[in-house]
Amino acid sequence: MSFVARRGLSTLIPPKIASPSGIGAAQDAARMQRVVSFYEKLPRGPAPDVQPRGLFARYEARYFGKNPSPAPIVHIIGFLLVLGYANNYYFHLRHHKNNAH
C-alpha cells in the first residue's frame, strides 16, 4: 500500500484517545479529562438556521427557500412593464406632452 493511500486512510480513522493503556497513567488521565471537557462544551443538536443578510439574500430566502412561490414571476412581469413604460415615455411620449401628434 502506498504512502499516499495510507495517509488518506489515516485521516478517516480517528486517533485512539481512550485507549486502555492511556487511561491508567496520571498524566494521560489529565489529558483525557481535558479532551472530555472540551467535547462537553461543544453545542448539541442541529445547528441553528442562518439568518439571511442583504436585500437579495432575504428575497431568495422568502421566495425560493423552504416554501417556494411563483411570486418572482409576477415581480419580473411588473418590473418589465414599468421598465417598458419608462422607456416608451422617455423616447416617445414626453415629446407629445403638450401638443398632439
PDB file of N, CA and C in Angstrom:
ATOM      1  N   MET A   1       0.858  -1.173   0.000  1.00  0.00           N
ATOM      2  CA  MET A   1       0.000   0.000   0.000  1.00  0.00           C
ATOM      3  C   MET A   1       0.902   1.233   0.000  1.00  0.00           C
ATOM      4  N   SER A   2       0.616   2.162  -0.877  1.00  0.00           N
ATOM      5  CA  SER A   2       1.480   3.333  -0.988  1.00  0.00           C
ATOM      6  C   SER A   2       1.284   4.274   0.191  1.00  0.00           C
ATOM      7  N   PHE A   3       2.233   5.190   0.320  1.00  0.00           N
ATOM      8  CA  PHE A   3       2.181   6.154   1.422  1.00  0.00           C
ATOM      9  C   PHE A   3       0.967   7.066   1.291  1.00  0.00           C
ATOM     10  N   VAL A   4       0.643   7.482   0.073  1.00  0.00           N
ATOM     11  CA  VAL A   4      -0.492   8.381  -0.142  1.00  0.00           C
ATOM     12  C   VAL A   4      -1.802   7.699   0.243  1.00  0.00           C
ATOM     13  N   ALA A   5      -1.956   6.440  -0.123  1.00  0.00           N
ATOM     14  CA  ALA A   5      -3.176   5.718   0.219  1.00  0.00           C
ATOM     15  C   ALA A   5      -3.280   5.525   1.728  1.00  0.00           C
ATOM     16  N   ARG A   6      -2.168   5.200   2.388  1.00  0.00           N
ATOM     17  CA  ARG A   6      -2.201   5.037   3.845  1.00  0.00           C
ATOM     18  C   ARG A   6      -2.502   6.366   4.523  1.00  0.00           C
ATOM     19  N   ARG A   7      -1.943   7.442   3.983  1.00  0.00           N
ATOM     20  CA  ARG A   7      -2.200   8.769   4.559  1.00  0.00           C
ATOM     21  C   ARG A   7      -3.681   9.135   4.393  1.00  0.00           C
ATOM     22  N   GLY A   8      -4.267   8.808   3.257  1.00  0.00           N
ATOM     23  CA  GLY A   8      -5.682   9.073   3.038  1.00  0.00           C
ATOM     24  C   GLY A   8      -6.566   8.274   3.967  1.00  0.00           C
ATOM     25  N   LEU A   9      -6.209   7.031   4.231  1.00  0.00           N
ATOM     26  CA  LEU A   9      -6.993   6.212   5.151  1.00  0.00           C
ATOM     27  C   LEU A   9      -6.801   6.644   6.598  1.00  0.00           C
ATOM     28  N   SER A  10      -5.624   7.157   6.924  1.00  0.00           N
ATOM     29  CA  SER A  10      -5.376   7.528   8.314  1.00  0.00           C
ATOM     30  C   SER A  10      -6.195   8.749   8.717  1.00  0.00           C
ATOM     31  N   THR A  11      -6.580   9.585   7.781  1.00  0.00           N
ATOM     32  CA  THR A  11      -7.404  10.740   8.136  1.00  0.00           C
ATOM     33  C   THR A  11      -8.847  10.332   8.407  1.00  0.00           C
ATOM     34  N   LEU A  12      -9.262   9.173   7.914  1.00  0.00           N
ATOM     35  CA  LEU A  12     -10.619   8.708   8.163  1.00  0.00           C
ATOM     36  C   LEU A  12     -10.764   8.036   9.523  1.00  0.00           C
ATOM     37  N   ILE A  13      -9.675   7.503  10.035  1.00  0.00           N
ATOM     38  CA  ILE A  13      -9.723   6.768  11.294  1.00  0.00           C
ATOM     39  C   ILE A  13      -9.284   7.717  12.407  1.00  0.00           C
ATOM     40  N   PRO A  14     -10.139   7.944  13.426  1.00  0.00           N
ATOM     41  CA  PRO A  14      -9.754   8.869  14.497  1.00  0.00           C
ATOM     42  C   PRO A  14      -8.635   8.284  15.347  1.00  0.00           C
ATOM     43  N   PRO A  15      -7.848   9.130  16.008  1.00  0.00           N
ATOM     44  CA  PRO A  15      -6.781   8.606  16.877  1.00  0.00           C
ATOM     45  C   PRO A  15      -7.376   7.901  18.090  1.00  0.00           C
ATOM     46  N   LYS A  16      -6.610   7.032  18.651  1.00  0.00           N
ATOM     47  CA  LYS A  16      -7.094   6.263  19.804  1.00  0.00           C
ATOM     48  C   LYS A  16      -6.891   7.090  21.065  1.00  0.00           C
ATOM     49  N   ILE A  17      -7.859   7.944  21.357  1.00  0.00           N
ATOM     50  CA  ILE A  17      -7.754   8.823  22.514  1.00  0.00           C
ATOM     51  C   ILE A  17      -7.981   8.048  23.798  1.00  0.00           C
ATOM     52  N   ALA A  18      -8.958   7.175  23.816  1.00  0.00           N
ATOM     53  CA  ALA A  18      -9.331   6.461  25.032  1.00  0.00           C
ATOM     54  C   ALA A  18      -8.811   5.028  25.018  1.00  0.00           C
ATOM     55  N   SER A  19      -7.557   4.872  24.696  1.00  0.00           N
ATOM     56  CA  SER A  19      -7.004   3.516  24.709  1.00  0.00           C
ATOM     57  C   SER A  19      -6.814   3.050  26.150  1.00  0.00           C
ATOM     58  N   PRO A  20      -6.893   1.760  26.422  1.00  0.00           N
ATOM     59  CA  PRO A  20      -6.754   1.272  27.803  1.00  0.00           C
ATOM     60  C   PRO A  20      -5.399   1.596  28.413  1.00  0.00           C
ATOM     61  N   SER A  21      -4.352   1.622  27.598  1.00  0.00           N
ATOM     62  CA  SER A  21      -3.029   1.920  28.153  1.00  0.00           C
ATOM     63  C   SER A  21      -2.901   3.404  28.498  1.00  0.00           C
ATOM     64  N   GLY A  22      -3.641   4.273  27.849  1.00  0.00           N
ATOM     65  CA  GLY A  22      -3.536   5.708  28.106  1.00  0.00           C
ATOM     66  C   GLY A  22      -4.303   6.166  29.315  1.00  0.00           C
ATOM     67  N   ILE A  23      -5.315   5.437  29.743  1.00  0.00           N
ATOM     68  CA  ILE A  23      -6.154   5.866  30.858  1.00  0.00           C
ATOM     69  C   ILE A  23      -5.468   5.590  32.201  1.00  0.00           C
ATOM     70  N   GLY A  24      -4.620   4.580  32.272  1.00  0.00           N
ATOM     71  CA  GLY A  24      -4.029   4.189  33.548  1.00  0.00           C
ATOM     72  C   GLY A  24      -3.067   5.200  34.130  1.00  0.00           C
ATOM     73  N   ALA A  25      -2.286   5.896  33.337  1.00  0.00           N
ATOM     74  CA  ALA A  25      -1.280   6.823  33.849  1.00  0.00           C
ATOM     75  C   ALA A  25      -1.931   8.134  34.268  1.00  0.00           C
ATOM     76  N   ALA A  26      -1.338   8.798  35.228  1.00  0.00           N
ATOM     77  CA  ALA A  26      -1.901  10.050  35.766  1.00  0.00           C
ATOM     78  C   ALA A  26      -1.852  11.170  34.733  1.00  0.00           C
ATOM     79  N   GLN A  27      -0.735  11.314  34.033  1.00  0.00           N
ATOM     80  CA  GLN A  27      -0.641  12.395  33.057  1.00  0.00           C
ATOM     81  C   GLN A  27      -1.582  12.154  31.870  1.00  0.00           C
ATOM     82  N   ASP A  28      -1.742  10.899  31.471  1.00  0.00           N
ATOM     83  CA  ASP A  28      -2.682  10.601  30.401  1.00  0.00           C
ATOM     84  C   ASP A  28      -4.120  10.794  30.859  1.00  0.00           C
ATOM     85  N   ALA A  29      -4.401  10.521  32.125  1.00  0.00           N
ATOM     86  CA  ALA A  29      -5.748  10.734  32.648  1.00  0.00           C
ATOM     87  C   ALA A  29      -6.085  12.224  32.657  1.00  0.00           C
ATOM     88  N   ALA A  30      -5.111  13.073  32.981  1.00  0.00           N
ATOM     89  CA  ALA A  30      -5.347  14.522  32.947  1.00  0.00           C
ATOM     90  C   ALA A  30      -5.589  14.982  31.511  1.00  0.00           C
ATOM     91  N   ARG A  31      -4.831  14.422  30.591  1.00  0.00           N
ATOM     92  CA  ARG A  31      -5.026  14.778  29.184  1.00  0.00           C
ATOM     93  C   ARG A  31      -6.391  14.310  28.705  1.00  0.00           C
ATOM     94  N   MET A  32      -6.780  13.125  29.152  1.00  0.00           N
ATOM     95  CA  MET A  32      -8.099  12.604  28.789  1.00  0.00           C
ATOM     96  C   MET A  32      -9.197  13.480  29.371  1.00  0.00           C
ATOM     97  N   GLN A  33      -9.010  14.000  30.570  1.00  0.00           N
ATOM     98  CA  GLN A  33     -10.007  14.879  31.172  1.00  0.00           C
ATOM     99  C   GLN A  33     -10.131  16.178  30.381  1.00  0.00           C
ATOM    100  N   ARG A  34      -9.027  16.700  29.864  1.00  0.00           N
ATOM    101  CA  ARG A  34      -9.075  17.909  29.036  1.00  0.00           C
ATOM    102  C   ARG A  34      -9.844  17.649  27.747  1.00  0.00           C
ATOM    103  N   VAL A  35      -9.640  16.486  27.160  1.00  0.00           N
ATOM    104  CA  VAL A  35     -10.359  16.139  25.934  1.00  0.00           C
ATOM    105  C   VAL A  35     -11.849  16.005  26.215  1.00  0.00           C
ATOM    106  N   VAL A  36     -12.183  15.342  27.325  1.00  0.00           N
ATOM    107  CA  VAL A  36     -13.593  15.164  27.680  1.00  0.00           C
ATOM    108  C   VAL A  36     -14.249  16.507  27.969  1.00  0.00           C
ATOM    109  N   SER A  37     -13.561  17.385  28.693  1.00  0.00           N
ATOM    110  CA  SER A  37     -14.149  18.695  29.000  1.00  0.00           C
ATOM    111  C   SER A  37     -14.325  19.530  27.726  1.00  0.00           C
ATOM    112  N   PHE A  38     -13.397  19.361  26.776  1.00  0.00           N
ATOM    113  CA  PHE A  38     -13.560  20.081  25.500  1.00  0.00           C
ATOM    114  C   PHE A  38     -14.818  19.621  24.779  1.00  0.00           C
ATOM    115  N   TYR A  39     -15.029  18.315  24.703  1.00  0.00           N
ATOM    116  CA  TYR A  39     -16.195  17.801  23.997  1.00  0.00           C
ATOM    117  C   TYR A  39     -17.496  18.062  24.746  1.00  0.00           C
ATOM    118  N   GLU A  40     -17.434  18.217  26.069  1.00  0.00           N
ATOM    119  CA  GLU A  40     -18.639  18.562  26.824  1.00  0.00           C
ATOM    120  C   GLU A  40     -19.114  19.972  26.530  1.00  0.00           C
ATOM    121  N   LYS A  41     -18.183  20.858  26.186  1.00  0.00           N
ATOM    122  CA  LYS A  41     -18.536  22.264  25.927  1.00  0.00           C
ATOM    123  C   LYS A  41     -19.113  22.482  24.529  1.00  0.00           C
ATOM    124  N   LEU A  42     -18.958  21.535  23.637  1.00  0.00           N
ATOM    125  CA  LEU A  42     -19.473  21.701  22.274  1.00  0.00           C
ATOM    126  C   LEU A  42     -20.996  21.721  22.281  1.00  0.00           C
ATOM    127  N   PRO A  43     -21.614  22.519  21.409  1.00  0.00           N
ATOM    128  CA  PRO A  43     -23.082  22.569  21.371  1.00  0.00           C
ATOM    129  C   PRO A  43     -23.666  21.262  20.839  1.00  0.00           C
ATOM    130  N   ARG A  44     -24.851  20.940  21.332  1.00  0.00           N
ATOM    131  CA  ARG A  44     -25.522  19.708  20.922  1.00  0.00           C
ATOM    132  C   ARG A  44     -26.727  20.054  20.051  1.00  0.00           C
ATOM    133  N   GLY A  45     -27.150  19.096  19.283  1.00  0.00           N
ATOM    134  CA  GLY A  45     -28.328  19.283  18.449  1.00  0.00           C
ATOM    135  C   GLY A  45     -27.975  19.881  17.102  1.00  0.00           C
ATOM    136  N   PRO A  46     -29.000  20.098  16.294  1.00  0.00           N
ATOM    137  CA  PRO A  46     -28.753  20.657  14.958  1.00  0.00           C
ATOM    138  C   PRO A  46     -28.327  22.123  15.044  1.00  0.00           C
ATOM    139  N   ALA A  47     -27.595  22.551  14.059  1.00  0.00           N
ATOM    140  CA  ALA A  47     -27.135  23.938  14.004  1.00  0.00           C
ATOM    141  C   ALA A  47     -28.321  24.852  13.729  1.00  0.00           C
ATOM    142  N   PRO A  48     -28.333  26.050  14.301  1.00  0.00           N
ATOM    143  CA  PRO A  48     -29.444  26.968  14.044  1.00  0.00           C
ATOM    144  C   PRO A  48     -29.407  27.466  12.599  1.00  0.00           C
ATOM    145  N   ASP A  49     -30.579  27.831  12.079  1.00  0.00           N
ATOM    146  CA  ASP A  49     -30.650  28.345  10.719  1.00  0.00           C
ATOM    147  C   ASP A  49     -29.939  29.689  10.626  1.00  0.00           C
ATOM    148  N   VAL A  50     -29.239  29.883   9.527  1.00  0.00           N
ATOM    149  CA  VAL A  50     -28.524  31.129   9.303  1.00  0.00           C
ATOM    150  C   VAL A  50     -29.518  32.165   8.795  1.00  0.00           C
ATOM    151  N   GLN A  51     -29.550  33.319   9.442  1.00  0.00           N
ATOM    152  CA  GLN A  51     -30.448  34.386   9.014  1.00  0.00           C
ATOM    153  C   GLN A  51     -29.851  35.086   7.793  1.00  0.00           C
ATOM    154  N   PRO A  52     -30.652  35.285   6.746  1.00  0.00           N
ATOM    155  CA  PRO A  52     -30.112  35.942   5.551  1.00  0.00           C
ATOM    156  C   PRO A  52     -29.827  37.418   5.805  1.00  0.00           C
ATOM    157  N   ARG A  53     -28.768  37.899   5.203  1.00  0.00           N
ATOM    158  CA  ARG A  53     -28.392  39.305   5.309  1.00  0.00           C
ATOM    159  C   ARG A  53     -28.348  39.883   3.910  1.00  0.00           C
ATOM    160  N   GLY A  54     -28.813  41.094   3.775  1.00  0.00           N
ATOM    161  CA  GLY A  54     -28.805  41.756   2.482  1.00  0.00           C
ATOM    162  C   GLY A  54     -30.136  41.603   1.769  1.00  0.00           C
ATOM    163  N   LEU A  55     -30.360  42.465   0.804  1.00  0.00           N
ATOM    164  CA  LEU A  55     -31.629  42.507   0.093  1.00  0.00           C
ATOM    165  C   LEU A  55     -31.882  41.239  -0.717  1.00  0.00           C
ATOM    166  N   PHE A  56     -30.917  40.827  -1.507  1.00  0.00           N
ATOM    167  CA  PHE A  56     -31.106  39.664  -2.367  1.00  0.00           C
ATOM    168  C   PHE A  56     -31.172  38.372  -1.562  1.00  0.00           C
ATOM    169  N   ALA A  57     -30.418  38.280  -0.481  1.00  0.00           N
ATOM    170  CA  ALA A  57     -30.456  37.075   0.349  1.00  0.00           C
ATOM    171  C   ALA A  57     -31.812  36.928   1.031  1.00  0.00           C
ATOM    172  N   ARG A  58     -32.381  38.029   1.509  1.00  0.00           N
ATOM    173  CA  ARG A  58     -33.717  37.959   2.123  1.00  0.00           C
ATOM    174  C   ARG A  58     -34.773  37.615   1.082  1.00  0.00           C
ATOM    175  N   TYR A  59     -34.659  38.189  -0.121  1.00  0.00           N
ATOM    176  CA  TYR A  59     -35.610  37.886  -1.200  1.00  0.00           C
ATOM    177  C   TYR A  59     -35.530  36.404  -1.560  1.00  0.00           C
ATOM    178  N   GLU A  60     -34.317  35.903  -1.684  1.00  0.00           N
ATOM    179  CA  GLU A  60     -34.137  34.490  -2.034  1.00  0.00           C
ATOM    180  C   GLU A  60     -34.682  33.590  -0.930  1.00  0.00           C
ATOM    181  N   ALA A  61     -34.428  33.929   0.322  1.00  0.00           N
ATOM    182  CA  ALA A  61     -34.927  33.112   1.425  1.00  0.00           C
ATOM    183  C   ALA A  61     -36.452  33.144   1.486  1.00  0.00           C
ATOM    184  N   ARG A  62     -37.046  34.266   1.152  1.00  0.00           N
ATOM    185  CA  ARG A  62     -38.503  34.382   1.242  1.00  0.00           C
ATOM    186  C   ARG A  62     -39.215  33.642   0.117  1.00  0.00           C
ATOM    187  N   TYR A  63     -38.736  33.782  -1.114  1.00  0.00           N
ATOM    188  CA  TYR A  63     -39.455  33.235  -2.267  1.00  0.00           C
ATOM    189  C   TYR A  63     -38.874  31.938  -2.827  1.00  0.00           C
ATOM    190  N   PHE A  64     -37.610  31.626  -2.535  1.00  0.00           N
ATOM    191  CA  PHE A  64     -37.004  30.402  -3.067  1.00  0.00           C
ATOM    192  C   PHE A  64     -36.579  29.445  -1.975  1.00  0.00           C
ATOM    193  N   GLY A  65     -36.859  29.744  -0.712  1.00  0.00           N
ATOM    194  CA  GLY A  65     -36.384  28.955   0.420  1.00  0.00           C
ATOM    195  C   GLY A  65     -37.169  27.677   0.619  1.00  0.00           C
ATOM    196  N   LYS A  66     -37.613  27.465   1.857  1.00  0.00           N
ATOM    197  CA  LYS A  66     -38.295  26.221   2.204  1.00  0.00           C
ATOM    198  C   LYS A  66     -39.661  26.108   1.549  1.00  0.00           C
ATOM    199  N   ASN A  67     -40.319  27.231   1.296  1.00  0.00           N
ATOM    200  CA  ASN A  67     -41.655  27.222   0.694  1.00  0.00           C
ATOM    201  C   ASN A  67     -41.628  28.096  -0.564  1.00  0.00           C
ATOM    202  N   PRO A  68     -41.165  27.568  -1.695  1.00  0.00           N
ATOM    203  CA  PRO A  68     -41.054  28.388  -2.904  1.00  0.00           C
ATOM    204  C   PRO A  68     -42.422  28.842  -3.410  1.00  0.00           C
ATOM    205  N   SER A  69     -42.443  30.022  -4.038  1.00  0.00           N
ATOM    206  CA  SER A  69     -43.701  30.543  -4.558  1.00  0.00           C
ATOM    207  C   SER A  69     -43.475  31.118  -5.957  1.00  0.00           C
ATOM    208  N   PRO A  70     -44.560  31.294  -6.722  1.00  0.00           N
ATOM    209  CA  PRO A  70     -44.429  31.861  -8.073  1.00  0.00           C
ATOM    210  C   PRO A  70     -44.388  33.383  -8.089  1.00  0.00           C
ATOM    211  N   ALA A  71     -44.313  34.029  -6.952  1.00  0.00           N
ATOM    212  CA  ALA A  71     -44.320  35.492  -6.893  1.00  0.00           C
ATOM    213  C   ALA A  71     -43.181  36.142  -7.676  1.00  0.00           C
ATOM    214  N   PRO A  72     -41.958  35.572  -7.739  1.00  0.00           N
ATOM    215  CA  PRO A  72     -40.911  36.225  -8.534  1.00  0.00           C
ATOM    216  C   PRO A  72     -41.269  36.389 -10.009  1.00  0.00           C
ATOM    217  N   ILE A  73     -42.086  35.482 -10.547  1.00  0.00           N
ATOM    218  CA  ILE A  73     -42.518  35.632 -11.944  1.00  0.00           C
ATOM    219  C   ILE A  73     -43.378  36.884 -12.083  1.00  0.00           C
ATOM    220  N   VAL A  74     -44.286  37.094 -11.126  1.00  0.00           N
ATOM    221  CA  VAL A  74     -45.127  38.295 -11.143  1.00  0.00           C
ATOM    222  C   VAL A  74     -44.269  39.538 -10.960  1.00  0.00           C
ATOM    223  N   HIS A  75     -43.248  39.466 -10.108  1.00  0.00           N
ATOM    224  CA  HIS A  75     -42.350  40.605  -9.904  1.00  0.00           C
ATOM    225  C   HIS A  75     -41.591  40.950 -11.183  1.00  0.00           C
ATOM    226  N   ILE A  76     -41.136  39.936 -11.898  1.00  0.00           N
ATOM    227  CA  ILE A  76     -40.404  40.179 -13.149  1.00  0.00           C
ATOM    228  C   ILE A  76     -41.325  40.803 -14.195  1.00  0.00           C
ATOM    229  N   ILE A  77     -42.549  40.302 -14.302  1.00  0.00           N
ATOM    230  CA  ILE A  77     -43.502  40.868 -15.269  1.00  0.00           C
ATOM    231  C   ILE A  77     -43.803  42.320 -14.921  1.00  0.00           C
ATOM    232  N   GLY A  78     -44.035  42.618 -13.649  1.00  0.00           N
ATOM    233  CA  GLY A  78     -44.286  44.002 -13.238  1.00  0.00           C
ATOM    234  C   GLY A  78     -43.090  44.901 -13.498  1.00  0.00           C
ATOM    235  N   PHE A  79     -41.878  44.399 -13.214  1.00  0.00           N
ATOM    236  CA  PHE A  79     -40.671  45.185 -13.469  1.00  0.00           C
ATOM    237  C   PHE A  79     -40.515  45.486 -14.957  1.00  0.00           C
ATOM    238  N   LEU A  80     -40.786  44.483 -15.815  1.00  0.00           N
ATOM    239  CA  LEU A  80     -40.675  44.707 -17.258  1.00  0.00           C
ATOM    240  C   LEU A  80     -41.732  45.685 -17.756  1.00  0.00           C
ATOM    241  N   LEU A  81     -42.947  45.643 -17.194  1.00  0.00           N
ATOM    242  CA  LEU A  81     -43.977  46.613 -17.573  1.00  0.00           C
ATOM    243  C   LEU A  81     -43.565  48.034 -17.204  1.00  0.00           C
ATOM    244  N   VAL A  82     -43.066  48.217 -16.003  1.00  0.00           N
ATOM    245  CA  VAL A  82     -42.625  49.553 -15.571  1.00  0.00           C
ATOM    246  C   VAL A  82     -41.439  50.011 -16.401  1.00  0.00           C
ATOM    247  N   LEU A  83     -40.500  49.127 -16.660  1.00  0.00           N
ATOM    248  CA  LEU A  83     -39.339  49.481 -17.479  1.00  0.00           C
ATOM    249  C   LEU A  83     -39.762  49.819 -18.910  1.00  0.00           C
ATOM    250  N   GLY A  84     -40.699  49.062 -19.460  1.00  0.00           N
ATOM    251  CA  GLY A  84     -41.174  49.344 -20.824  1.00  0.00           C
ATOM    252  C   GLY A  84     -41.897  50.668 -20.909  1.00  0.00           C
ATOM    253  N   TYR A  85     -42.729  50.979 -19.914  1.00  0.00           N
ATOM    254  CA  TYR A  85     -43.427  52.268 -19.939  1.00  0.00           C
ATOM    255  C   TYR A  85     -42.445  53.417 -19.780  1.00  0.00           C
ATOM    256  N   ALA A  86     -41.465  53.275 -18.894  1.00  0.00           N
ATOM    257  CA  ALA A  86     -40.466  54.330 -18.723  1.00  0.00           C
ATOM    258  C   ALA A  86     -39.670  54.536 -20.002  1.00  0.00           C
ATOM    259  N   ASN A  87     -39.332  53.462 -20.673  1.00  0.00           N
ATOM    260  CA  ASN A  87     -38.614  53.548 -21.944  1.00  0.00           C
ATOM    261  C   ASN A  87     -39.479  54.231 -23.003  1.00  0.00           C
ATOM    262  N   ASN A  88     -40.742  53.850 -23.083  1.00  0.00           N
ATOM    263  CA  ASN A  88     -41.667  54.437 -24.045  1.00  0.00           C
ATOM    264  C   ASN A  88     -41.875  55.927 -23.755  1.00  0.00           C
ATOM    265  N   TYR A  89     -42.003  56.285 -22.498  1.00  0.00           N
ATOM    266  CA  TYR A  89     -42.192  57.683 -22.129  1.00  0.00           C
ATOM    267  C   TYR A  89     -40.960  58.508 -22.503  1.00  0.00           C
ATOM    268  N   TYR A  90     -39.784  58.001 -22.176  1.00  0.00           N
ATOM    269  CA  TYR A  90     -38.564  58.768 -22.432  1.00  0.00           C
ATOM    270  C   TYR A  90     -38.329  58.978 -23.921  1.00  0.00           C
ATOM    271  N   PHE A  91     -38.536  57.961 -24.735  1.00  0.00           N
ATOM    272  CA  PHE A  91     -38.224  58.069 -26.153  1.00  0.00           C
ATOM    273  C   PHE A  91     -39.388  58.543 -27.012  1.00  0.00           C
ATOM    274  N   HIS A  92     -40.622  58.554 -26.514  1.00  0.00           N
ATOM    275  CA  HIS A  92     -41.730  58.921 -27.382  1.00  0.00           C
ATOM    276  C   HIS A  92     -42.747  59.844 -26.706  1.00  0.00           C
ATOM    277  N   LEU A  93     -43.288  59.438 -25.581  1.00  0.00           N
ATOM    278  CA  LEU A  93     -44.423  60.146 -25.002  1.00  0.00           C
ATOM    279  C   LEU A  93     -44.080  61.531 -24.466  1.00  0.00           C
ATOM    280  N   ARG A  94     -42.871  61.786 -24.024  1.00  0.00           N
ATOM    281  CA  ARG A  94     -42.558  63.099 -23.466  1.00  0.00           C
ATOM    282  C   ARG A  94     -42.542  64.183 -24.539  1.00  0.00           C
ATOM    283  N   HIS A  95     -42.378  63.814 -25.803  1.00  0.00           N
ATOM    284  CA  HIS A  95     -42.386  64.791 -26.879  1.00  0.00           C
ATOM    285  C   HIS A  95     -43.823  65.213 -27.229  1.00  0.00           C
ATOM    286  N   HIS A  96     -44.819  64.439 -26.816  1.00  0.00           N
ATOM    287  CA  HIS A  96     -46.210  64.719 -27.127  1.00  0.00           C
ATOM    288  C   HIS A  96     -46.974  65.177 -25.889  1.00  0.00           C
ATOM    289  N   LYS A  97     -46.263  65.731 -24.921  1.00  0.00           N
ATOM    290  CA  LYS A  97     -46.913  66.072 -23.669  1.00  0.00           C
ATOM    291  C   LYS A  97     -47.914  67.211 -23.837  1.00  0.00           C
ATOM    292  N   ASN A  98     -47.545  68.247 -24.560  1.00  0.00           N
ATOM    293  CA  ASN A  98     -48.408  69.427 -24.673  1.00  0.00           C
ATOM    294  C   ASN A  98     -49.066  69.610 -26.046  1.00  0.00           C
ATOM    295  N   ASN A  99     -48.646  68.885 -27.009  1.00  0.00           N
ATOM    296  CA  ASN A  99     -49.264  69.014 -28.326  1.00  0.00           C
ATOM    297  C   ASN A  99     -49.512  67.635 -28.932  1.00  0.00           C
ATOM    298  N   ALA A 100     -50.520  67.578 -29.780  1.00  0.00           N
ATOM    299  CA  ALA A 100     -50.873  66.291 -30.391  1.00  0.00           C
ATOM    300  C   ALA A 100     -49.888  65.934 -31.483  1.00  0.00           C
ATOM    301  N   HIS A 101     -49.969  64.735 -31.943  1.00  0.00           N
ATOM    302  CA  HIS A 101     -49.067  64.207 -32.969  1.00  0.00           C
ATOM    303  C   HIS A 101     -49.305  64.890 -34.281  1.00  0.00           C
TER     304      HIS A 101
END
